[in-house]
Amino acid sequence: MVASPTRTIRIGSRKSQLALVQTHWVQGELQRHFPDRQFDVQTMNTQGDIILDVALAKIGDKGLFTKELEVGMLNREVDFAVHSLKDLPTNLPDGLMLGCVTEREDPADALVVHETFKTYQLDSLPPGTIVGTSSLRRLAQLRHHYPHLVFKDIRGNLNTRLAKLDGGDYDAIILAVAGLQRLGMADRIHQTIAADISLHAVGQGALGIECRTEDPEILEVIKVLEHEPTAQRCHAERAFLRELEGGCQVPIGVNTEISDNVLTLKGMVASLDGQRLIKNSVSGSPVQAEQLGLELAAKLRQQGAKEILDEIIATLDRDA
């Protein structure tokens, strides 16, 4: 079953430059596969786009960049939505599903520096260097490895963050490699941060296409963009995060790879101050990706992950 040629397929997207670049890529790829179909993009502002003067961790983490798009799908205003997969909660509203995962770009984090810090690498930044990040995951890991640096919250879209850096508000900032690459700004990547320093966010570097569960026509259309190895890796990561009950604003990091038909999933949980950081890994068949995620979550729980996460949630609730 393929969508009727007379049916205009409406794609939901955030209004940010990066979101639109990603959505228009999906639109173009689908148009190439289905030249007789019409694909229109409809944009919406999400809560995460509107509230820019408060740290992400203090305004909630469930659906911060997705809720309005999900309401649009459930109200049949749009047929599916394109997300940076790292922004998509692991528990979706009734009636919606993750229908497709696209091929992943480099999921690593990137160090971007002010001109005056071009001669430094992450491990050589001098004490007191001001580093901007809005991610508790990045913050906790970098505090663990570099306690001599000063970390400062930064909000706004990618261009806004770069402007704040270049304007001297920060000496360096941490961004996703994939976002910089997609916007044609790979030249701003001063250093790609190794996984042993910063495990990336769940789903980082991949796009997730969310759709209604009861719309087989749309599901069949978007499935042409599915990249199975990426999907397997991301399903393992999302199962791990879901089992630990962590949102995007909890210090949980991952890294996955598939080699010789073996999927290896590494995971990390850290305290906000970086003092406690636990890691472990599991390996197995890619077709059992979700089970691997559950196994890794159980391992980290045995190492004290639940206590760390409970303390973080209590702290964030108290400070909210």
Protein backbone atom coordinates (compact mmCIF):
# COMPACT_ATOMS: atom_id res chain seq x y z
CA MET A 1 0.00 0.00 0.00
CA VAL A 2 1.48 3.36 -1.06
CA ALA A 3 -0.13 6.74 -0.43
CA SER A 4 -2.54 7.89 -3.10
CA PRO A 5 -0.95 10.24 -5.68
CA THR A 6 -3.81 12.66 -4.99
CA ARG A 7 -3.01 12.89 -1.29
CA THR A 8 -0.74 15.78 -0.30
CA ILE A 9 1.59 14.55 2.43
CA ARG A 10 2.21 17.20 5.10
CA ILE A 11 5.52 17.17 6.97
CA GLY A 12 5.78 18.82 10.38
CA SER A 13 8.96 20.64 11.37
CA ARG A 14 10.33 23.07 13.92
CA LYS A 15 11.24 26.49 12.52
CA SER A 16 14.93 26.50 13.43
CA GLN A 17 17.46 26.58 10.60
CA LEU A 18 18.82 23.14 11.47
CA ALA A 19 15.35 21.62 11.76
CA LEU A 20 14.39 23.00 8.36
CA VAL A 21 17.59 21.78 6.72
CA GLN A 22 16.87 18.30 8.07
CA THR A 23 13.19 18.39 7.11
CA HIS A 24 13.88 19.66 3.60
CA TRP A 25 16.41 16.86 3.15
CA VAL A 26 13.69 14.34 4.06
CA GLN A 27 11.25 16.12 1.76
CA GLY A 28 13.74 16.00 -1.12
CA GLU A 29 14.58 12.33 -0.61
CA LEU A 30 10.90 11.36 -0.50
CA GLN A 31 10.19 13.45 -3.59
CA ARG A 32 12.98 11.57 -5.36
CA HIS A 33 11.49 8.21 -4.39
CA PHE A 34 7.90 9.29 -5.10
CA PRO A 35 8.01 11.88 -7.92
CA ASP A 36 4.24 11.75 -8.37
CA ARG A 37 3.49 12.65 -4.76
CA GLN A 38 3.31 16.12 -3.26
CA PHE A 39 5.15 16.75 0.02
CA ASP A 40 4.52 20.04 1.83
CA VAL A 41 6.38 21.31 4.90
CA GLN A 42 4.45 22.95 7.75
CA THR A 43 6.45 24.62 10.53
CA MET A 44 5.61 25.06 14.21
CA ASN A 45 7.24 26.64 17.24
CA THR A 46 7.85 24.28 20.16
CA GLN A 47 8.22 25.17 23.83
CA GLY A 48 11.97 24.58 23.56
CA ASP A 49 12.16 27.15 20.75
CA ILE A 50 10.17 29.77 22.63
CA ILE A 51 11.70 29.67 26.13
CA LEU A 52 15.34 30.62 25.61
CA ASP A 53 16.22 32.38 28.87
CA VAL A 54 15.96 29.38 31.19
CA ALA A 55 18.24 26.34 31.36
CA LEU A 56 16.73 23.32 29.64
CA ALA A 57 16.96 21.20 32.77
CA LYS A 58 14.73 23.66 34.65
CA ILE A 59 11.84 23.75 32.19
CA GLY A 60 11.32 20.02 31.72
CA ASP A 61 12.70 17.48 29.37
CA LYS A 62 9.81 15.36 28.11
CA GLY A 63 8.80 16.51 24.68
CA LEU A 64 10.31 19.96 24.98
CA PHE A 65 10.99 20.10 21.23
CA THR A 66 8.28 17.69 20.06
CA LYS A 67 4.93 18.20 21.83
CA GLU A 68 3.44 20.76 19.44
CA LEU A 69 4.39 18.63 16.45
CA GLU A 70 2.82 15.58 18.08
CA VAL A 71 -0.42 17.46 18.72
CA GLY A 72 -0.39 18.42 15.04
CA MET A 73 -0.11 14.77 14.02
CA LEU A 74 -2.84 13.61 16.39
CA ASN A 75 -5.10 16.40 15.11
CA ARG A 76 -4.25 15.35 11.52
CA GLU A 77 -2.82 18.77 10.70
CA VAL A 78 0.41 17.05 9.58
CA ASP A 79 1.10 13.45 8.59
CA PHE A 80 4.52 12.98 10.11
CA ALA A 81 7.24 15.00 11.82
CA VAL A 82 11.01 15.09 11.39
CA HIS A 83 13.08 15.28 14.58
CA SER A 84 16.68 15.20 15.60
CA LEU A 85 16.31 11.77 17.17
CA LYS A 86 18.11 12.86 20.34
CA ASP A 87 15.22 15.28 21.01
CA LEU A 88 12.51 12.61 20.70
CA PRO A 89 11.38 11.17 24.06
CA THR A 90 11.63 7.40 24.42
CA ASN A 91 7.98 7.15 25.48
CA LEU A 92 5.68 8.52 22.79
CA PRO A 93 2.01 9.56 23.10
CA ASP A 94 -0.67 6.96 22.38
CA GLY A 95 -1.34 6.88 18.66
CA LEU A 96 2.18 7.85 17.61
CA MET A 97 5.29 5.82 16.80
CA LEU A 98 8.88 6.16 15.65
CA GLY A 99 8.33 5.11 12.05
CA CYS A 100 11.78 5.58 10.55
CA VAL A 101 15.40 6.24 11.52
CA THR A 102 17.68 7.69 8.86
CA GLU A 103 21.37 7.00 8.33
CA ARG A 104 23.42 8.52 11.09
CA GLU A 105 25.93 11.33 10.73
CA ASP A 106 28.92 11.40 13.09
CA PRO A 107 27.26 11.30 16.56
CA ALA A 108 30.24 12.78 18.42
CA ASP A 109 30.38 16.05 20.32
CA ALA A 110 32.56 18.89 19.03
CA LEU A 111 34.69 21.53 20.70
CA VAL A 112 34.25 24.94 19.09
CA VAL A 113 36.53 27.72 20.34
CA HIS A 114 36.86 31.48 20.31
CA GLU A 115 39.61 32.74 18.03
CA THR A 116 41.88 33.45 20.99
CA PHE A 117 41.81 29.75 21.99
CA LYS A 118 42.76 28.28 18.59
CA THR A 119 46.07 26.98 19.89
CA TYR A 120 44.42 24.81 22.56
CA GLN A 121 42.85 21.37 22.54
CA LEU A 122 40.28 20.27 25.10
CA ASP A 123 42.87 18.70 27.40
CA SER A 124 45.11 21.79 27.26
CA LEU A 125 42.53 24.52 27.93
CA PRO A 126 43.85 26.61 30.83
CA PRO A 127 42.15 26.73 34.25
CA GLY A 128 39.17 29.08 34.31
CA THR A 129 38.34 28.68 30.60
CA ILE A 130 34.59 29.36 30.19
CA VAL A 131 32.91 26.52 28.31
CA GLY A 132 29.26 26.78 27.23
CA THR A 133 26.86 23.85 27.08
CA SER A 134 23.15 23.33 27.75
CA SER A 135 23.54 19.56 28.10
CA LEU A 136 23.83 17.98 31.54
CA ARG A 137 25.32 14.91 29.84
CA ARG A 138 28.19 16.93 28.39
CA LEU A 139 28.54 18.97 31.56
CA ALA A 140 28.88 15.96 33.87
CA GLN A 141 31.42 14.16 31.67
CA LEU A 142 33.56 17.24 31.08
CA ARG A 143 33.49 18.14 34.77
CA HIS A 144 34.66 14.61 35.50
CA HIS A 145 37.67 14.87 33.18
CA TYR A 146 38.39 18.63 33.41
CA PRO A 147 37.34 19.95 36.84
CA HIS A 148 39.54 23.05 36.34
CA LEU A 149 37.27 24.44 33.60
CA VAL A 150 34.31 26.75 34.23
CA PHE A 151 31.00 25.66 32.71
CA LYS A 152 28.23 28.09 31.82
CA ASP A 153 24.76 27.36 30.43
CA ILE A 154 24.10 28.43 26.84
CA ARG A 155 20.75 28.45 24.97
CA GLY A 156 19.56 29.38 21.52
CA ASN A 157 19.86 27.85 18.07
CA LEU A 158 23.23 26.96 16.61
CA ASN A 159 23.83 30.36 14.99
CA THR A 160 22.89 32.15 18.21
CA ARG A 161 25.33 30.03 20.21
CA LEU A 162 28.13 30.64 17.74
CA ALA A 163 27.43 34.40 17.87
CA LYS A 164 27.67 34.33 21.68
CA LEU A 165 30.97 32.49 21.42
CA ASP A 166 32.41 34.85 18.82
CA GLY A 167 31.17 37.82 20.83
CA GLY A 168 33.30 36.77 23.79
CA ASP A 169 30.61 35.50 26.16
CA TYR A 170 32.36 32.11 26.14
CA ASP A 171 35.86 30.87 25.43
CA ALA A 172 34.57 27.61 23.98
CA ILE A 173 31.27 25.79 23.46
CA ILE A 174 30.30 22.17 22.93
CA LEU A 175 28.02 21.33 19.98
CA ALA A 176 27.05 18.22 18.01
CA VAL A 177 29.31 17.40 15.07
CA ALA A 178 26.26 16.36 13.03
CA GLY A 179 24.48 19.71 13.39
CA LEU A 180 27.53 21.65 12.27
CA GLN A 181 28.01 19.33 9.31
CA ARG A 182 24.38 19.56 8.22
CA LEU A 183 24.52 23.37 8.27
CA GLY A 184 27.74 23.45 6.23
CA MET A 185 29.74 24.69 9.23
CA ALA A 186 32.15 21.77 9.63
CA ASP A 187 35.01 24.29 9.50
CA ARG A 188 33.93 25.48 12.98
CA ILE A 189 34.76 22.06 14.48
CA HIS A 190 38.00 22.71 16.33
CA GLN A 191 38.15 19.21 17.80
CA THR A 192 35.96 16.12 17.66
CA ILE A 193 35.73 14.88 21.24
CA ALA A 194 36.66 11.22 21.68
CA ALA A 195 34.08 8.80 23.07
CA ASP A 196 36.28 7.98 26.06
CA ILE A 197 35.85 11.62 27.14
CA SER A 198 32.24 12.28 26.12
CA LEU A 199 29.77 9.54 25.23
CA HIS A 200 27.14 11.07 22.97
CA ALA A 201 23.41 11.53 23.48
CA VAL A 202 20.95 8.75 22.69
CA GLY A 203 20.08 9.02 18.99
CA GLN A 204 22.53 11.85 18.33
CA GLY A 205 23.39 12.27 14.64
CA ALA A 206 20.28 10.44 13.35
CA LEU A 207 16.90 11.77 12.27
CA GLY A 208 13.76 10.20 13.65
CA ILE A 209 10.51 10.38 11.68
CA GLU A 210 7.48 10.16 13.94
CA CYS A 211 4.06 9.27 12.55
CA ARG A 212 0.62 8.00 13.52
CA THR A 213 0.40 4.29 14.32
CA GLU A 214 -2.84 3.92 12.36
CA ASP A 215 -1.58 5.33 9.07
CA PRO A 216 0.00 2.45 7.11
CA GLU A 217 0.19 4.51 3.91
CA ILE A 218 2.46 7.10 5.52
CA LEU A 219 4.52 4.46 7.31
CA GLU A 220 5.23 2.70 4.03
CA VAL A 221 6.28 5.97 2.40
CA ILE A 222 8.74 7.03 5.10
CA LYS A 223 10.22 3.53 5.48
CA VAL A 224 12.16 4.04 2.22
CA LEU A 225 14.52 6.28 4.24
CA GLU A 226 15.15 3.72 7.00
CA HIS A 227 18.82 2.80 7.54
CA GLU A 228 18.71 -0.54 9.32
CA PRO A 229 22.14 -0.47 11.06
CA THR A 230 21.45 3.04 12.40
CA ALA A 231 17.96 2.00 13.48
CA GLN A 232 19.32 -1.03 15.34
CA ARG A 233 21.94 1.06 17.13
CA CYS A 234 19.41 3.75 18.06
CA HIS A 235 16.77 1.26 19.24
CA ALA A 236 19.39 -0.21 21.60
CA GLU A 237 20.27 3.27 22.87
CA ARG A 238 16.64 4.29 23.33
CA ALA A 239 15.78 1.08 25.19
CA PHE A 240 18.72 1.74 27.53
CA LEU A 241 17.55 5.30 28.19
CA ARG A 242 13.90 4.31 28.57
CA GLU A 243 14.75 1.60 31.09
CA LEU A 244 16.73 4.06 33.21
CA GLU A 245 13.81 6.50 32.97
CA GLY A 246 16.07 9.31 31.87
CA GLY A 247 15.08 12.25 29.72
CA CYS A 248 17.33 14.28 27.46
CA GLN A 249 18.33 16.42 30.46
CA VAL A 250 19.82 13.64 32.57
CA PRO A 251 23.55 12.81 32.35
CA ILE A 252 23.23 9.57 30.37
CA GLY A 253 25.59 8.94 27.45
CA VAL A 254 26.00 6.13 24.95
CA ASN A 255 28.12 4.83 22.11
CA THR A 256 27.23 2.04 19.69
CA GLU A 257 28.84 0.21 16.83
CA ILE A 258 28.09 -2.80 14.67
CA SER A 259 31.03 -4.91 13.54
CA ASP A 260 30.93 -8.45 12.10
CA ASN A 261 27.20 -8.55 12.86
CA VAL A 262 27.80 -7.82 16.54
CA LEU A 263 26.26 -4.72 18.13
CA THR A 264 28.22 -3.24 21.02
CA LEU A 265 26.47 -0.72 23.25
CA LYS A 266 28.37 1.34 25.80
CA GLY A 267 26.56 3.43 28.39
CA MET A 268 27.37 6.00 31.06
CA VAL A 269 25.60 7.64 33.98
CA ALA A 270 27.23 10.49 35.91
CA SER A 271 26.45 12.81 38.79
CA LEU A 272 26.01 16.51 37.97
CA ASP A 273 29.33 17.43 39.58
CA GLY A 274 31.14 14.74 37.61
CA GLN A 275 32.51 13.15 40.76
CA ARG A 276 30.72 9.85 40.17
CA LEU A 277 30.74 8.38 36.68
CA ILE A 278 29.91 4.76 35.91
CA LYS A 279 30.25 2.95 32.59
CA ASN A 280 29.67 -0.50 31.19
CA SER A 281 28.98 -2.23 27.88
CA VAL A 282 27.14 -5.18 26.34
CA SER A 283 27.42 -6.94 22.97
CA GLY A 284 25.11 -9.18 20.98
CA SER A 285 23.07 -9.62 17.83
CA PRO A 286 21.78 -6.40 16.23
CA VAL A 287 18.33 -7.98 15.88
CA GLN A 288 18.13 -8.05 19.68
CA ALA A 289 18.99 -4.36 19.97
CA GLU A 290 16.29 -3.45 22.50
CA GLN A 291 17.17 -6.39 24.73
CA LEU A 292 20.79 -5.24 24.77
CA GLY A 293 19.65 -1.83 25.93
CA LEU A 294 17.72 -3.40 28.79
CA GLU A 295 20.70 -5.56 29.76
CA LEU A 296 23.02 -2.56 29.91
CA ALA A 297 20.54 -0.59 32.01
CA ALA A 298 20.41 -3.49 34.48
CA LYS A 299 24.21 -3.57 34.68
CA LEU A 300 24.45 0.14 35.43
CA ARG A 301 21.69 -0.11 38.01
CA GLN A 302 23.76 -2.71 39.82
CA GLN A 303 26.65 -0.22 39.78
CA GLY A 304 24.56 2.54 41.39
CA ALA A 305 22.95 4.34 38.43
CA LYS A 306 19.51 4.57 40.05
CA GLU A 307 20.86 6.31 43.14
CA ILE A 308 22.73 8.84 41.00
CA LEU A 309 19.70 9.57 38.80
CA ASP A 310 17.33 9.83 41.78
CA GLU A 311 19.64 12.43 43.35
CA ILE A 312 19.80 14.42 40.10
CA ILE A 313 16.03 14.43 39.64
CA ALA A 314 15.55 15.53 43.25
CA THR A 315 18.07 18.35 42.76
CA LEU A 316 16.44 19.54 39.54
CA ASP A 317 12.97 19.44 41.09
CA ARG A 318 14.22 21.45 44.06
CA ASP A 319 15.89 24.07 41.86
CA ALA A 320 13.03 24.34 39.34
